[in-house]
Protein backbone atom coordinates (compact mmCIF):
# COMPACT_ATOMS: atom_id res chain seq x y z
CA MET A 1 -60.43 101.80 66.90
CA LYS A 2 -59.98 103.80 63.67
CA ARG A 3 -62.07 101.28 61.76
CA PHE A 4 -64.82 101.62 64.39
CA VAL A 5 -64.89 105.42 64.03
CA PHE A 6 -64.89 105.06 60.24
CA PHE A 7 -67.84 102.65 60.51
CA ILE A 8 -69.82 105.14 62.64
CA ILE A 9 -69.17 107.91 60.10
CA ILE A 10 -70.42 105.70 57.27
CA VAL A 11 -73.57 104.72 59.19
CA TYR A 12 -74.28 108.35 60.01
CA GLY A 13 -73.81 109.31 56.36
CA LEU A 14 -76.14 106.55 55.18
CA CYS A 15 -78.76 107.72 57.68
CA LEU A 16 -78.64 111.21 56.19
CA MET A 17 -78.83 109.85 52.64
CA ALA A 18 -81.82 107.70 53.57
CA GLY A 19 -83.80 110.74 54.55
CA GLY A 20 -82.78 110.92 58.17
CA CYS A 21 -82.48 108.11 60.66
CA ALA A 22 -83.48 109.25 64.14
CA VAL A 23 -80.11 110.00 65.71
CA LYS A 24 -80.55 110.16 69.47
CA LEU A 25 -77.71 111.48 71.57
CA THR A 26 -77.26 109.68 74.88
CA PRO A 27 -76.58 112.00 77.84
CA LYS A 28 -73.02 111.73 79.12
CA PHE A 29 -74.16 111.40 82.75
CA PRO A 30 -77.11 109.42 84.17
CA LEU A 31 -78.06 112.32 86.45
CA VAL A 32 -78.63 115.76 84.92
CA LYS A 33 -78.88 119.02 86.86
CA ILE A 34 -82.20 120.75 86.21
CA ALA A 35 -83.29 124.41 86.36
CA TYR A 36 -85.59 125.79 89.06
CA GLU A 37 -88.55 125.94 86.71
CA GLN A 38 -88.20 122.20 86.11
CA TYR A 39 -88.42 121.31 89.80
CA PRO A 40 -91.39 119.05 90.68
CA VAL A 41 -94.04 120.10 93.21
CA PHE A 42 -92.41 118.14 96.08
CA TYR A 43 -95.67 116.90 97.57
CA ASP A 44 -95.10 114.06 100.06
CA ASP A 45 -98.03 111.62 99.94
CA MET A 46 -97.04 110.09 103.30
CA ALA A 47 -97.26 113.47 105.08
CA TYR A 48 -93.60 113.01 106.11
CA ASP A 49 -94.37 109.83 108.10
CA GLY A 50 -91.20 107.75 108.49
CA LEU A 51 -89.08 110.32 106.67
CA GLN A 52 -87.25 111.53 109.76
CA ASN A 53 -86.32 107.95 110.61
CA GLY A 54 -85.12 107.23 107.08
CA ILE A 55 -82.98 110.39 106.94
CA SER A 56 -81.55 109.69 110.40
CA ARG A 57 -80.43 106.23 109.27
CA SER A 58 -78.55 107.72 106.32
CA ILE A 59 -76.92 110.30 108.59
CA GLU A 60 -75.76 107.48 110.90
CA TYR A 61 -74.16 105.76 107.92
CA LEU A 62 -72.44 108.95 106.74
CA ARG A 63 -70.95 109.52 110.19
CA LYS A 64 -69.22 106.13 109.99
CA ILE A 65 -67.47 106.61 106.65
CA PRO A 66 -64.53 108.93 105.81
CA ALA A 67 -65.69 112.55 105.54
CA ASP A 68 -63.75 112.99 102.30
CA ARG A 69 -65.33 110.06 100.45
CA MET A 70 -66.73 111.41 97.20
CA PHE A 71 -70.29 110.98 95.90
CA GLN A 72 -71.06 111.45 92.22
CA PHE A 73 -74.07 113.55 91.15
CA GLY A 74 -74.00 113.57 87.37
CA GLU A 75 -70.93 115.59 86.41
CA ASP A 76 -70.54 116.98 89.95
CA GLN A 77 -68.99 115.52 93.09
CA PHE A 78 -69.67 116.16 96.79
CA ASP A 79 -67.91 114.67 99.78
CA ALA A 80 -69.58 112.67 102.55
CA ALA A 81 -69.38 115.60 104.98
CA HIS A 82 -71.39 117.74 102.55
CA ILE A 83 -73.97 114.97 102.00
CA ARG A 84 -74.43 114.68 105.76
CA ARG A 85 -74.95 118.45 106.12
CA SER A 86 -77.41 118.26 103.24
CA LEU A 87 -79.51 115.66 105.05
CA GLU A 88 -79.25 117.36 108.45
CA HIS A 89 -80.43 120.68 107.00
CA PHE A 90 -83.39 119.00 105.32
CA LEU A 91 -84.23 117.03 108.46
CA ASN A 92 -84.32 120.15 110.63
CA PHE A 93 -86.73 121.84 108.22
CA ILE A 94 -89.22 118.99 107.75
CA ARG A 95 -89.59 118.37 111.50
CA THR A 96 -92.29 121.07 111.36
CA LYS A 97 -94.09 119.20 108.54
CA PRO A 98 -94.27 122.27 106.28
CA PRO A 99 -96.90 122.57 103.54
CA SER A 100 -95.82 121.71 100.01
CA HIS A 101 -95.44 125.29 98.77
CA GLU A 102 -93.12 126.20 101.67
CA LEU A 103 -91.09 123.05 101.10
CA ARG A 104 -90.66 123.84 97.41
CA ARG A 105 -89.42 127.35 98.20
CA PHE A 106 -87.03 125.90 100.77
CA ILE A 107 -85.64 123.41 98.25
CA GLN A 108 -85.31 126.05 95.51
CA ALA A 109 -83.37 128.31 97.87
CA ASN A 110 -81.09 125.65 99.33
CA TYR A 111 -80.79 122.59 97.07
CA VAL A 112 -79.51 121.55 93.68
CA VAL A 113 -81.75 118.96 92.00
CA TYR A 114 -80.66 116.30 89.52
CA LYS A 115 -83.02 114.21 87.41
CA SER A 116 -82.31 110.66 86.29
CA VAL A 117 -82.16 110.31 82.52
CA GLY A 118 -83.47 106.77 83.02
CA SER A 119 -84.29 104.90 79.85
CA GLY A 120 -84.77 108.11 77.89
CA GLU A 121 -88.57 107.73 77.64
CA GLU A 122 -91.13 110.37 78.61
CA LEU A 123 -91.43 108.65 82.00
CA PRO A 124 -87.95 107.16 82.11
CA VAL A 125 -87.79 105.16 85.35
CA LEU A 126 -89.42 101.78 85.93
CA PHE A 127 -90.48 101.39 89.57
CA THR A 128 -90.99 98.02 91.22
CA GLY A 129 -91.41 97.10 94.87
CA TYR A 130 -90.28 94.65 97.50
CA TYR A 131 -91.50 93.78 100.98
CA GLU A 132 -90.86 91.62 104.03
CA PRO A 133 -92.76 88.32 103.62
CA LEU A 134 -93.95 86.08 106.46
CA LEU A 135 -93.26 82.36 106.01
CA GLN A 136 -94.41 79.36 108.05
CA GLY A 137 -91.55 77.26 109.37
CA SER A 138 -89.92 75.09 111.98
CA LEU A 139 -86.49 74.60 113.52
CA TYR A 140 -86.77 70.91 112.66
CA GLN A 141 -87.25 69.08 109.38
CA SER A 142 -90.47 67.12 108.94
CA GLY A 143 -92.88 65.99 106.27
CA GLU A 144 -94.52 69.39 106.38
CA TYR A 145 -91.40 71.52 106.73
CA ARG A 146 -89.09 70.22 104.00
CA PHE A 147 -87.37 73.27 102.49
CA PRO A 148 -84.20 74.59 104.16
CA VAL A 149 -83.31 78.24 104.67
CA TYR A 150 -79.52 78.17 104.39
CA ALA A 151 -76.84 80.27 106.02
CA PRO A 152 -73.79 80.92 103.77
CA PRO A 153 -71.83 77.70 103.06
CA ASP A 154 -68.28 77.44 104.39
CA ASP A 155 -66.78 76.95 100.90
CA LEU A 156 -68.34 80.10 99.38
CA MET A 157 -65.60 82.57 98.48
CA SER A 158 -65.44 86.03 96.90
CA ILE A 159 -62.42 87.57 95.19
CA ASP A 160 -61.91 91.32 94.99
CA LEU A 161 -60.59 91.75 91.44
CA SER A 162 -59.24 95.24 92.14
CA LEU A 163 -56.43 93.55 94.09
CA PHE A 164 -55.10 92.33 90.76
CA SER A 165 -55.68 95.47 88.70
CA GLN A 166 -57.34 98.87 89.23
CA GLU A 167 -58.99 98.20 85.89
CA PHE A 168 -61.37 95.98 87.87
CA LYS A 169 -62.11 98.45 90.67
CA GLY A 170 -65.47 97.65 92.26
CA LYS A 171 -65.62 94.22 90.63
CA LYS A 172 -65.65 90.85 92.38
CA ILE A 173 -66.35 87.24 91.53
CA THR A 174 -67.92 84.61 93.76
CA GLY A 175 -67.25 80.89 93.61
CA ARG A 176 -65.45 77.99 95.30
CA LEU A 177 -62.22 76.03 95.08
CA ALA A 178 -62.31 72.71 93.23
CA ASP A 179 -59.07 70.81 92.59
CA SER A 180 -57.00 73.96 93.20
CA THR A 181 -59.10 75.87 90.65
CA PHE A 182 -61.54 78.68 91.39
CA VAL A 183 -64.88 77.81 89.78
CA PRO A 184 -68.41 79.28 89.84
CA TYR A 185 -70.49 78.31 92.86
CA TYR A 186 -73.30 75.76 92.61
CA GLU A 187 -76.43 77.03 90.90
CA ARG A 188 -79.98 76.75 92.21
CA ARG A 189 -80.74 73.40 90.55
CA GLU A 190 -77.65 71.77 92.08
CA ILE A 191 -78.40 73.18 95.52
CA GLU A 192 -82.03 72.09 95.56
CA GLU A 193 -81.82 68.78 93.71
CA LYS A 194 -78.38 67.36 94.49
CA GLY A 195 -77.92 68.27 98.15
CA VAL A 196 -74.53 69.84 97.48
CA LEU A 197 -74.75 72.00 100.62
CA GLU A 198 -75.09 69.10 103.03
CA GLY A 199 -72.34 69.48 105.62
CA ARG A 200 -71.31 72.81 104.10
CA ALA A 201 -74.04 75.19 105.31
CA ASP A 202 -76.03 75.59 108.52
CA ILE A 203 -79.81 75.51 108.21
CA ILE A 204 -81.53 78.41 109.99
CA ALA A 205 -85.03 76.94 109.67
CA TRP A 206 -87.23 74.73 107.50
CA VAL A 207 -90.26 76.17 105.70
CA ASN A 208 -93.34 74.52 104.26
CA ASP A 209 -93.51 76.09 100.81
CA ARG A 210 -90.87 76.08 98.07
CA THR A 211 -92.40 79.04 96.24
CA ASP A 212 -92.45 81.09 99.45
CA LEU A 213 -88.76 80.32 99.92
CA PHE A 214 -88.03 81.35 96.34
CA PHE A 215 -89.74 84.71 96.84
CA LEU A 216 -88.02 85.17 100.19
CA GLN A 217 -84.76 85.06 98.25
CA ILE A 218 -86.09 87.57 95.74
CA GLN A 219 -87.19 89.96 98.51
CA GLY A 220 -83.90 89.50 100.38
CA SER A 221 -85.32 89.29 103.90
CA GLY A 222 -88.39 88.19 105.81
CA LYS A 223 -89.86 86.65 108.92
CA ILE A 224 -90.49 82.99 109.72
CA ALA A 225 -93.35 82.10 112.10
CA LEU A 226 -92.25 78.94 113.89
CA ASP A 227 -94.59 76.04 114.64
CA SER A 228 -93.27 76.09 118.23
CA GLY A 229 -94.22 79.74 118.65
CA GLY A 230 -92.25 82.90 118.08
CA ILE A 231 -90.89 84.57 114.97
CA ILE A 232 -87.36 84.81 113.66
CA ASN A 233 -86.02 87.43 111.27
CA VAL A 234 -83.84 86.32 108.38
CA ASN A 235 -81.77 88.83 106.43
CA TYR A 236 -79.75 88.63 103.23
CA GLU A 237 -76.18 87.58 103.98
CA ASN A 238 -74.67 86.41 100.69
CA GLN A 239 -75.43 84.98 97.26
CA ASN A 240 -73.96 82.24 95.07
CA GLY A 241 -72.59 84.66 92.49
CA ARG A 242 -74.88 83.53 89.70
CA ALA A 243 -76.65 86.21 87.68
CA TYR A 244 -80.26 86.95 88.59
CA ARG A 245 -82.73 85.90 85.89
CA SER A 246 -86.37 87.00 86.07
CA ILE A 247 -88.93 84.19 85.98
CA GLY A 248 -91.57 86.84 85.36
CA LYS A 249 -89.84 87.76 82.11
CA LEU A 250 -89.59 84.06 81.25
CA LEU A 251 -93.32 83.56 81.74
CA ILE A 252 -94.12 86.61 79.63
CA GLU A 253 -91.81 85.61 76.79
CA SER A 254 -93.18 82.05 76.79
CA GLY A 255 -96.75 83.38 76.57
CA LYS A 256 -97.85 81.89 79.89
CA ILE A 257 -98.66 85.22 81.55
CA SER A 258 -99.33 88.44 79.68
CA LYS A 259 -97.21 91.51 80.35
CA GLU A 260 -100.33 93.39 81.47
CA ASP A 261 -101.25 90.71 84.04
CA MET A 262 -97.75 90.11 85.37
CA SER A 263 -97.34 90.30 89.15
CA MET A 264 -95.85 88.25 91.96
CA GLN A 265 -99.35 87.05 92.78
CA LYS A 266 -99.92 85.94 89.18
CA ILE A 267 -96.66 83.96 89.21
CA ARG A 268 -97.73 82.20 92.42
CA GLU A 269 -101.08 81.37 90.84
CA TYR A 270 -99.43 79.93 87.73
CA LEU A 271 -97.03 77.77 89.75
CA ARG A 272 -99.89 76.53 91.91
CA GLU A 273 -101.93 75.54 88.85
CA HIS A 274 -98.94 74.03 86.97
CA PRO A 275 -96.84 72.20 89.59
CA ASP A 276 -95.24 70.03 86.90
CA GLU A 277 -93.54 73.15 85.49
CA ALA A 278 -92.24 74.47 88.83
CA ASP A 279 -88.76 72.95 88.55
CA GLU A 280 -88.11 74.37 85.11
CA ILE A 281 -89.46 77.81 85.98
CA LEU A 282 -87.82 78.29 89.38
CA ASN A 283 -84.47 76.87 88.27
CA TYR A 284 -84.40 79.34 85.39
CA ASN A 285 -83.12 81.76 88.02
CA SER A 286 -79.83 80.10 88.96
CA SER A 287 -79.13 82.77 91.60
CA TYR A 288 -79.45 81.51 95.19
CA VAL A 289 -79.50 83.65 98.35
CA PHE A 290 -78.14 82.76 101.79
CA PHE A 291 -79.42 84.30 105.02
CA SER A 292 -78.48 85.12 108.59
CA PRO A 293 -80.81 85.37 111.59
CA GLY A 294 -81.29 88.88 112.95
CA LYS A 295 -82.90 90.70 115.84
CA GLU A 296 -84.33 93.41 113.60
CA GLY A 297 -86.14 93.58 110.29
CA PRO A 298 -84.54 93.81 106.87
CA ARG A 299 -81.13 95.43 106.51
CA GLY A 300 -80.23 97.29 103.37
CA ALA A 301 -76.94 97.51 101.51
CA LEU A 302 -75.71 100.13 103.99
CA ASN A 303 -76.16 97.59 106.81
CA PHE A 304 -78.98 99.20 108.77
CA THR A 305 -82.71 98.55 109.07
CA LEU A 306 -84.81 99.79 106.16
CA THR A 307 -87.70 102.23 106.59
CA PRO A 308 -91.01 101.18 104.95
CA GLY A 309 -92.06 103.53 102.20
CA ARG A 310 -88.82 105.50 102.47
CA SER A 311 -85.96 103.13 101.67
CA ALA A 312 -85.29 102.36 98.03
CA ALA A 313 -82.95 100.05 96.13
CA VAL A 314 -80.96 101.54 93.25
CA ASP A 315 -77.89 100.76 91.19
CA ARG A 316 -75.03 102.12 93.29
CA SER A 317 -72.82 102.48 90.21
CA VAL A 318 -75.30 105.09 88.95
CA PHE A 319 -76.94 106.68 92.00
CA PRO A 320 -75.09 108.03 95.07
CA MET A 321 -76.00 105.91 98.09
CA SER A 322 -77.63 107.21 101.31
CA VAL A 323 -78.81 110.42 99.65
CA LEU A 324 -82.25 112.01 99.48
CA ALA A 325 -84.41 111.60 96.40
CA TYR A 326 -87.94 112.55 95.36
CA ILE A 327 -89.98 110.15 93.23
CA GLU A 328 -93.06 110.38 91.04
CA THR A 329 -94.77 107.06 90.30
CA GLN A 330 -98.00 105.18 91.18
CA LYS A 331 -99.37 103.19 94.14
CA PRO A 332 -102.42 100.92 94.44
CA LEU A 333 -105.61 101.76 96.31
CA THR A 334 -107.32 98.65 97.69
CA ASP A 335 -110.72 97.77 99.11
CA ALA A 336 -111.42 95.89 102.34
CA SER A 337 -110.80 92.54 100.64
CA GLY A 338 -107.38 93.59 99.39
CA LYS A 339 -108.45 93.97 95.78
CA ILE A 340 -106.83 96.80 93.83
CA VAL A 341 -109.54 99.34 93.02
CA ARG A 342 -107.34 101.78 91.11
CA TRP A 343 -103.87 103.31 90.96
CA THR A 344 -103.08 106.81 92.17
CA ASP A 345 -100.09 109.14 92.38
CA CYS A 346 -97.21 108.13 94.62
CA THR A 347 -95.02 111.19 95.19
CA ARG A 348 -92.64 111.15 98.13
CA PHE A 349 -89.12 111.54 99.45
CA VAL A 350 -87.03 108.37 99.65
CA LEU A 351 -83.46 107.45 100.54
CA HIS A 352 -81.05 105.38 98.42
CA GLN A 353 -80.32 102.72 101.04
CA ASP A 354 -80.34 99.38 99.26
CA THR A 355 -79.39 97.57 96.06
CA GLY A 356 -80.80 94.61 94.15
CA GLY A 357 -79.65 92.02 91.63
CA ALA A 358 -82.27 93.12 89.10
CA ILE A 359 -81.97 96.86 89.77
CA LYS A 360 -79.52 98.04 87.13
CA GLY A 361 -79.00 101.35 85.40
CA PRO A 362 -80.51 104.84 85.77
CA GLY A 363 -83.97 103.64 84.77
CA ARG A 364 -84.74 101.39 87.75
CA MET A 365 -85.78 101.77 91.38
CA ASP A 366 -87.18 99.20 93.83
CA LEU A 367 -89.26 100.70 96.66
CA PHE A 368 -89.41 98.94 100.03
CA TRP A 369 -93.03 98.73 101.25
CA GLY A 370 -92.51 97.05 104.65
CA SER A 371 -94.61 94.10 105.81
CA GLY A 372 -98.28 93.11 105.87
CA ASP A 373 -101.05 92.60 103.34
CA TYR A 374 -100.86 96.01 101.65
CA ALA A 375 -97.07 95.80 101.38
CA GLU A 376 -97.39 92.43 99.62
CA ILE A 377 -100.00 93.78 97.20
CA ALA A 378 -98.04 96.94 96.39
CA ALA A 379 -94.73 95.13 96.02
CA GLY A 380 -96.26 92.36 93.94
CA HIS A 381 -98.06 94.59 91.45
CA LEU A 382 -95.97 97.75 91.13
CA ARG A 383 -94.47 97.99 87.63
CA HIS A 384 -95.07 101.63 86.80
CA ARG A 385 -93.08 104.37 85.15
CA GLY A 386 -92.08 107.67 86.70
CA ASN A 387 -89.24 110.01 87.63
CA ILE A 388 -86.39 110.19 90.14
CA TYR A 389 -85.01 113.53 91.36
CA VAL A 390 -81.91 113.57 93.57
CA LEU A 391 -81.31 116.47 95.99
CA VAL A 392 -78.11 117.89 97.45
CA LEU A 393 -77.39 121.08 99.40
CA LYS A 394 -75.90 123.95 97.40
CA ARG A 395 -72.24 124.66 98.02
CA GLY A 396 -71.12 127.58 100.10
C-alpha cells in the first residue's frame, strides 16, 4: 500500500514537472446534491401520462419492504418510509397536472435534488432503450418453428456469497454441479449447438426466428403470437450467469457497422445479409436468458409490471431503486412509414424500477418504451447523452 501511495506521489510530481497533466478529481459519490439554481425546468413531455401508474407501482413495492430499509442518495441516506412519503406527496400534487412553472416551485419548496455525475462529460449519462417485442411462435416444434424459448433448467444454481463472508455482500455466482464441483453454467454456444438443456429445461414455446429470440433475451420480456391463435407473455426468470457482451460493440470494433449507424435494426440487417457470420456474432454474447410465462406484460427487477415511458433500468448499486427521477435526453420523431425524421428533447419523470446486464455505473440508463412499432424504433435507435436528476422529499 505504501509503495502504491509513493507511486501516485511520483506520478503527480512528474505531471507538474511536465507542465501540468490534467488532474481530474473523481467525485466521491455518484449522486451529488445540487443547489436550487441548478434545478432543471421539470417539463414533462408526456403531459404526466402514465406517471401516476408508475409512481403507484413504486409505492406498492415500498409498502412491502421494511420501513427502516435504507436508500443511498449520494452521501445521504433515507429510509423506505421516507421514500414512500416522498412519492405519495408528489403523486398527490401531479394529479392536477400542474403547469411546469408551478411544478418547479413545488419541487424547489419540497424536494432535494441529486444529479448523477455519470461519466464526467458535459452530458454525462448515456441513454438507451428497450421494449416488448412480438415474436411468431408455436407450442409445438416444426420445420418452421425450430428455436426453443426455455424455462430455467433444473440444474441451474445460484450461490449467495455473503453467506460465506460479509466481504461479498450483494454478490452471487451462478452455475451448476459437475462431479461434486460447482462450475460455470453452459454458455450460449453450448446451449444452442450441443443440446445440453434437453431433459433439463421445459420449453415454453418454439419461435421461427433465431435473431428474434436473441433480441427477446436482450429485451428481457416479450409476447409470442401462437400459430394456433392467442398470445402468451414471457418474462425474464433467470440467466446462465455468464457476463453480457454487446454484439453491437463487436460489430463496431470489427468495422462491420459504424458507430454512427449502430442500432438494433442495423444489427438485424447485417445478420440477414451475412447469415454465414450469425453463429460467430450471436455466440459472442455467451449470456443466455430463461423465461417464465406470465399473465401480464414485462416485470421489472422489483417484480411488478413496468410502465411504458416511465420505468427505467439503472445500476442498483449506484441508484436507489423505486425512486423518482427526472431525465433530459432525446427521442425520435417518425413519419407515417416509421422513418425517423429527426430527434427532439425527451424530458420527463421516470422511476428506477428495473436493472439490466449492460446497465452499469452512474452514466447509464435504459428507458422502457412499451410495445408496438414506435417502441421498437425508439428502443432500437436511442443512444443519446443526457442527465439524470433524482428527487427525494426534504426531511422534517
